[in-house]
Amino acid sequence: PPRDLIEYERRVVDAAIADLPRRPRVQWVTLATLDAVSHVSRDPDDYSLALRNVDAQIGRYREASARLGQESDRVYAVVSDHGVTPVRRNLDLCRTLGSVGVPCRRGSSAQAW
């Protein structure tokens, strides 16, 4: 089961929550357990547990943001990958963001190909 991964995600959200008092303009929080579980486990209970965890972590983050009075200043984008289906085409996120004036640089650890 993905329990270790779930603990790591809790820690990631803890760090993002701890950063909220600084009022960051952008926070990028990656909760990758769903992807990891889809690659290493075919047990639907593992995936269900991971999905419930993602929901809980987003809820914890939003509650913390609300307590600090920041929720009205936030925009959330929840992005997922392709699941466990074949990919025939990829979105170039840096090109898309660049087209609307948002600078983006893709590091070697985030190659989509």
N, C-alpha and C. Protein backbone atom coordinates (compact mmCIF):
# COMPACT_ATOMS: atom_id res chain seq x y z
N PRO A 1 0.83 -1.21 0.00
CA PRO A 1 0.00 0.00 0.00
C PRO A 1 0.87 1.26 0.00
N PRO A 2 0.32 2.36 -0.46
CA PRO A 2 1.10 3.58 -0.63
C PRO A 2 1.21 4.43 0.64
N ARG A 3 1.21 3.81 1.81
CA ARG A 3 1.18 4.58 3.06
C ARG A 3 2.40 5.49 3.23
N ASP A 4 3.59 5.03 2.83
CA ASP A 4 4.77 5.90 2.91
C ASP A 4 4.61 7.11 2.00
N LEU A 5 4.09 6.88 0.79
CA LEU A 5 3.89 7.98 -0.14
C LEU A 5 2.87 8.98 0.42
N ILE A 6 1.86 8.47 1.06
CA ILE A 6 0.84 9.34 1.65
C ILE A 6 1.45 10.19 2.76
N GLU A 7 2.33 9.62 3.55
CA GLU A 7 3.02 10.40 4.59
C GLU A 7 3.88 11.49 3.96
N TYR A 8 4.56 11.18 2.86
CA TYR A 8 5.37 12.20 2.19
C TYR A 8 4.48 13.34 1.69
N GLU A 9 3.33 13.01 1.15
CA GLU A 9 2.43 14.06 0.67
C GLU A 9 1.94 14.93 1.83
N ARG A 10 1.67 14.32 2.96
CA ARG A 10 1.26 15.11 4.12
C ARG A 10 2.36 16.11 4.48
N ARG A 11 3.60 15.65 4.42
CA ARG A 11 4.73 16.54 4.74
C ARG A 11 4.87 17.67 3.72
N VAL A 12 4.64 17.37 2.46
CA VAL A 12 4.70 18.39 1.41
C VAL A 12 3.64 19.46 1.69
N VAL A 13 2.44 19.04 2.01
CA VAL A 13 1.37 20.01 2.29
C VAL A 13 1.67 20.76 3.59
N ASP A 14 2.24 20.07 4.58
CA ASP A 14 2.66 20.77 5.80
C ASP A 14 3.62 21.92 5.47
N ALA A 15 4.57 21.66 4.58
CA ALA A 15 5.54 22.69 4.20
C ALA A 15 4.85 23.84 3.46
N ALA A 16 3.92 23.52 2.59
CA ALA A 16 3.19 24.57 1.86
C ALA A 16 2.35 25.41 2.83
N ILE A 17 1.72 24.76 3.80
CA ILE A 17 0.93 25.47 4.80
C ILE A 17 1.84 26.36 5.65
N ALA A 18 3.00 25.85 6.02
CA ALA A 18 3.93 26.64 6.83
C ALA A 18 4.40 27.89 6.07
N ASP A 19 4.39 27.83 4.76
CA ASP A 19 4.82 28.96 3.94
C ASP A 19 3.72 30.01 3.75
N LEU A 20 2.48 29.67 4.03
CA LEU A 20 1.36 30.58 3.79
C LEU A 20 1.49 31.93 4.51
N PRO A 21 1.98 32.00 5.75
CA PRO A 21 2.10 33.32 6.39
C PRO A 21 2.99 34.30 5.61
N ARG A 22 3.86 33.80 4.76
CA ARG A 22 4.71 34.67 3.93
C ARG A 22 3.96 35.21 2.72
N ARG A 23 2.72 34.76 2.53
CA ARG A 23 1.86 35.16 1.41
C ARG A 23 2.55 34.99 0.05
N PRO A 24 3.00 33.77 -0.25
CA PRO A 24 3.68 33.56 -1.54
C PRO A 24 2.75 33.86 -2.70
N ARG A 25 3.31 34.46 -3.74
CA ARG A 25 2.51 34.76 -4.93
C ARG A 25 2.14 33.49 -5.69
N VAL A 26 3.05 32.53 -5.68
CA VAL A 26 2.81 31.25 -6.37
C VAL A 26 3.32 30.14 -5.49
N GLN A 27 2.54 29.11 -5.36
CA GLN A 27 2.98 27.87 -4.71
C GLN A 27 2.64 26.74 -5.67
N TRP A 28 3.61 25.91 -5.94
CA TRP A 28 3.40 24.75 -6.79
C TRP A 28 3.55 23.54 -5.89
N VAL A 29 2.46 22.84 -5.66
CA VAL A 29 2.46 21.67 -4.78
C VAL A 29 2.16 20.44 -5.64
N THR A 30 3.07 19.49 -5.62
CA THR A 30 2.89 18.27 -6.40
C THR A 30 2.52 17.13 -5.47
N LEU A 31 1.38 16.53 -5.73
CA LEU A 31 0.92 15.35 -4.99
C LEU A 31 0.95 14.19 -6.00
N ALA A 32 2.03 13.46 -5.99
CA ALA A 32 2.29 12.48 -7.05
C ALA A 32 1.89 11.05 -6.71
N THR A 33 1.31 10.84 -5.56
CA THR A 33 0.99 9.46 -5.15
C THR A 33 0.05 8.76 -6.12
N LEU A 34 -0.94 9.46 -6.65
CA LEU A 34 -1.86 8.79 -7.58
C LEU A 34 -1.10 8.22 -8.77
N ASP A 35 -0.18 9.00 -9.30
CA ASP A 35 0.62 8.52 -10.43
C ASP A 35 1.49 7.34 -10.01
N ALA A 36 2.15 7.48 -8.86
CA ALA A 36 3.02 6.41 -8.39
C ALA A 36 2.25 5.12 -8.16
N VAL A 37 1.10 5.22 -7.52
CA VAL A 37 0.30 4.03 -7.23
C VAL A 37 -0.16 3.38 -8.53
N SER A 38 -0.52 4.20 -9.53
CA SER A 38 -0.98 3.61 -10.79
C SER A 38 0.13 2.85 -11.50
N HIS A 39 1.40 3.18 -11.19
CA HIS A 39 2.53 2.49 -11.82
C HIS A 39 2.95 1.24 -11.05
N VAL A 40 2.74 1.21 -9.73
CA VAL A 40 3.29 0.11 -8.95
C VAL A 40 2.24 -0.83 -8.36
N SER A 41 0.98 -0.44 -8.39
CA SER A 41 -0.04 -1.30 -7.78
C SER A 41 -1.26 -1.37 -8.67
N ARG A 42 -1.78 -2.53 -8.79
CA ARG A 42 -3.04 -2.71 -9.54
C ARG A 42 -4.20 -2.91 -8.56
N ASP A 43 -3.95 -2.70 -7.28
CA ASP A 43 -4.98 -2.88 -6.26
C ASP A 43 -5.85 -1.62 -6.21
N PRO A 44 -7.13 -1.74 -6.56
CA PRO A 44 -8.01 -0.56 -6.55
C PRO A 44 -8.13 0.07 -5.16
N ASP A 45 -7.93 -0.70 -4.10
CA ASP A 45 -7.99 -0.13 -2.76
C ASP A 45 -6.82 0.83 -2.52
N ASP A 46 -5.64 0.51 -3.07
CA ASP A 46 -4.50 1.42 -2.96
C ASP A 46 -4.79 2.74 -3.65
N TYR A 47 -5.35 2.66 -4.85
CA TYR A 47 -5.65 3.88 -5.60
C TYR A 47 -6.72 4.70 -4.88
N SER A 48 -7.72 4.02 -4.37
CA SER A 48 -8.79 4.71 -3.63
C SER A 48 -8.24 5.41 -2.39
N LEU A 49 -7.35 4.76 -1.67
CA LEU A 49 -6.71 5.36 -0.50
C LEU A 49 -5.91 6.60 -0.90
N ALA A 50 -5.16 6.49 -1.98
CA ALA A 50 -4.36 7.62 -2.46
C ALA A 50 -5.25 8.78 -2.90
N LEU A 51 -6.34 8.48 -3.56
CA LEU A 51 -7.27 9.51 -4.02
C LEU A 51 -7.91 10.23 -2.83
N ARG A 52 -8.32 9.48 -1.84
CA ARG A 52 -8.89 10.11 -0.63
C ARG A 52 -7.85 10.99 0.05
N ASN A 53 -6.59 10.56 0.03
CA ASN A 53 -5.54 11.36 0.64
C ASN A 53 -5.35 12.68 -0.11
N VAL A 54 -5.32 12.65 -1.43
CA VAL A 54 -5.17 13.89 -2.20
C VAL A 54 -6.31 14.85 -1.85
N ASP A 55 -7.51 14.34 -1.78
CA ASP A 55 -8.66 15.17 -1.41
C ASP A 55 -8.47 15.77 -0.01
N ALA A 56 -8.01 14.97 0.93
CA ALA A 56 -7.80 15.44 2.31
C ALA A 56 -6.70 16.50 2.37
N GLN A 57 -5.62 16.30 1.60
CA GLN A 57 -4.51 17.26 1.64
C GLN A 57 -4.92 18.61 1.03
N ILE A 58 -5.66 18.56 -0.06
CA ILE A 58 -6.16 19.81 -0.65
C ILE A 58 -7.08 20.51 0.35
N GLY A 59 -7.92 19.73 1.03
CA GLY A 59 -8.80 20.30 2.04
C GLY A 59 -8.03 20.93 3.20
N ARG A 60 -6.99 20.27 3.66
CA ARG A 60 -6.17 20.84 4.75
C ARG A 60 -5.54 22.15 4.33
N TYR A 61 -5.02 22.17 3.13
CA TYR A 61 -4.38 23.37 2.62
C TYR A 61 -5.39 24.52 2.52
N ARG A 62 -6.56 24.25 1.98
CA ARG A 62 -7.57 25.29 1.82
C ARG A 62 -8.08 25.78 3.17
N GLU A 63 -8.22 24.90 4.12
CA GLU A 63 -8.63 25.33 5.47
C GLU A 63 -7.59 26.26 6.08
N ALA A 64 -6.30 25.94 5.91
CA ALA A 64 -5.24 26.80 6.44
C ALA A 64 -5.25 28.16 5.74
N SER A 65 -5.44 28.15 4.45
CA SER A 65 -5.50 29.39 3.69
C SER A 65 -6.69 30.24 4.15
N ALA A 66 -7.81 29.60 4.39
CA ALA A 66 -9.01 30.32 4.86
C ALA A 66 -8.78 30.91 6.24
N ARG A 67 -8.15 30.14 7.13
CA ARG A 67 -7.87 30.65 8.49
C ARG A 67 -7.03 31.91 8.45
N LEU A 68 -6.15 32.01 7.45
CA LEU A 68 -5.29 33.18 7.30
C LEU A 68 -5.93 34.28 6.46
N GLY A 69 -7.17 34.08 6.05
CA GLY A 69 -7.87 35.08 5.26
C GLY A 69 -7.35 35.23 3.84
N GLN A 70 -6.75 34.18 3.31
CA GLN A 70 -6.13 34.25 1.98
C GLN A 70 -6.94 33.58 0.87
N GLU A 71 -8.02 32.92 1.21
CA GLU A 71 -8.73 32.13 0.21
C GLU A 71 -9.25 32.98 -0.95
N SER A 72 -9.67 34.20 -0.68
CA SER A 72 -10.21 35.04 -1.76
C SER A 72 -9.11 35.50 -2.72
N ASP A 73 -7.85 35.39 -2.32
CA ASP A 73 -6.72 35.79 -3.17
C ASP A 73 -6.13 34.62 -3.94
N ARG A 74 -6.67 33.44 -3.79
CA ARG A 74 -6.06 32.24 -4.37
C ARG A 74 -6.79 31.78 -5.63
N VAL A 75 -5.99 31.24 -6.52
CA VAL A 75 -6.50 30.54 -7.70
C VAL A 75 -5.88 29.16 -7.65
N TYR A 76 -6.70 28.14 -7.79
CA TYR A 76 -6.21 26.77 -7.73
C TYR A 76 -6.29 26.14 -9.12
N ALA A 77 -5.26 25.42 -9.47
CA ALA A 77 -5.27 24.61 -10.69
C ALA A 77 -4.93 23.19 -10.25
N VAL A 78 -5.84 22.30 -10.43
CA VAL A 78 -5.59 20.89 -10.12
C VAL A 78 -5.35 20.20 -11.45
N VAL A 79 -4.13 19.70 -11.61
CA VAL A 79 -3.71 19.14 -12.88
C VAL A 79 -3.37 17.67 -12.67
N SER A 80 -3.77 16.85 -13.60
CA SER A 80 -3.49 15.43 -13.52
C SER A 80 -2.80 14.98 -14.80
N ASP A 81 -2.25 13.80 -14.74
CA ASP A 81 -1.66 13.26 -15.96
C ASP A 81 -2.68 12.36 -16.65
N HIS A 82 -2.21 11.48 -17.46
CA HIS A 82 -3.06 10.67 -18.32
C HIS A 82 -3.59 9.40 -17.65
N GLY A 83 -3.28 9.18 -16.38
CA GLY A 83 -3.69 7.94 -15.75
C GLY A 83 -2.88 6.78 -16.30
N VAL A 84 -3.48 5.67 -16.46
CA VAL A 84 -2.75 4.50 -16.96
C VAL A 84 -3.18 4.17 -18.40
N THR A 85 -3.39 5.22 -19.19
CA THR A 85 -3.75 5.03 -20.59
C THR A 85 -2.59 5.51 -21.47
N PRO A 86 -2.46 4.96 -22.67
CA PRO A 86 -1.39 5.38 -23.57
C PRO A 86 -1.51 6.87 -23.94
N VAL A 87 -0.37 7.50 -24.16
CA VAL A 87 -0.34 8.91 -24.55
C VAL A 87 0.13 9.00 -25.99
N ARG A 88 -0.62 9.72 -26.80
CA ARG A 88 -0.25 9.91 -28.19
C ARG A 88 0.20 11.35 -28.45
N ARG A 89 -0.15 12.25 -27.54
CA ARG A 89 0.18 13.66 -27.72
C ARG A 89 0.41 14.30 -26.35
N ASN A 90 1.37 15.22 -26.25
CA ASN A 90 1.66 15.91 -24.99
C ASN A 90 1.42 17.40 -25.14
N LEU A 91 1.04 18.02 -24.03
CA LEU A 91 0.93 19.47 -23.95
C LEU A 91 2.29 20.03 -23.54
N ASP A 92 2.77 21.02 -24.25
CA ASP A 92 4.00 21.70 -23.86
C ASP A 92 3.59 22.83 -22.93
N LEU A 93 3.65 22.58 -21.63
CA LEU A 93 3.18 23.54 -20.65
C LEU A 93 3.96 24.85 -20.71
N CYS A 94 5.27 24.77 -20.90
CA CYS A 94 6.08 26.01 -20.97
C CYS A 94 5.67 26.85 -22.17
N ARG A 95 5.43 26.24 -23.28
CA ARG A 95 4.99 27.00 -24.46
C ARG A 95 3.62 27.62 -24.21
N THR A 96 2.72 26.86 -23.61
CA THR A 96 1.38 27.37 -23.33
C THR A 96 1.43 28.54 -22.35
N LEU A 97 2.19 28.39 -21.26
CA LEU A 97 2.32 29.48 -20.30
C LEU A 97 3.00 30.68 -20.93
N GLY A 98 4.04 30.44 -21.72
CA GLY A 98 4.74 31.53 -22.39
C GLY A 98 3.84 32.32 -23.32
N SER A 99 2.87 31.66 -23.94
CA SER A 99 1.97 32.35 -24.87
C SER A 99 1.08 33.36 -24.17
N VAL A 100 0.94 33.25 -22.86
CA VAL A 100 0.15 34.23 -22.09
C VAL A 100 1.04 35.07 -21.18
N GLY A 101 2.34 35.07 -21.46
CA GLY A 101 3.26 35.95 -20.75
C GLY A 101 3.79 35.43 -19.43
N VAL A 102 3.63 34.13 -19.17
CA VAL A 102 4.15 33.56 -17.92
C VAL A 102 5.44 32.81 -18.25
N PRO A 103 6.58 33.32 -17.74
CA PRO A 103 7.84 32.64 -18.04
C PRO A 103 7.88 31.24 -17.43
N CYS A 104 8.48 30.33 -18.14
CA CYS A 104 8.55 28.95 -17.67
C CYS A 104 9.84 28.34 -18.18
N ARG A 105 10.46 27.54 -17.33
CA ARG A 105 11.65 26.80 -17.73
C ARG A 105 11.48 25.37 -17.24
N ARG A 106 11.62 24.44 -18.13
CA ARG A 106 11.47 23.03 -17.76
C ARG A 106 12.84 22.48 -17.43
N GLY A 107 12.98 21.97 -16.22
CA GLY A 107 14.23 21.35 -15.79
C GLY A 107 14.34 19.94 -16.33
N SER A 108 15.53 19.38 -16.25
CA SER A 108 15.77 18.05 -16.80
C SER A 108 14.97 16.96 -16.07
N SER A 109 14.59 17.22 -14.81
CA SER A 109 13.85 16.21 -14.07
C SER A 109 12.36 16.21 -14.42
N ALA A 110 11.93 17.16 -15.23
CA ALA A 110 10.51 17.26 -15.55
C ALA A 110 10.24 17.10 -17.03
N GLN A 111 11.07 16.36 -17.72
CA GLN A 111 10.87 16.17 -19.14
C GLN A 111 9.60 15.36 -19.37
N ALA A 112 8.82 15.81 -20.32
CA ALA A 112 7.56 15.14 -20.61
C ALA A 112 7.71 14.03 -21.64
N TRP A 113 8.84 13.92 -22.27
CA TRP A 113 8.98 12.94 -23.36
C TRP A 113 9.58 11.65 -22.85
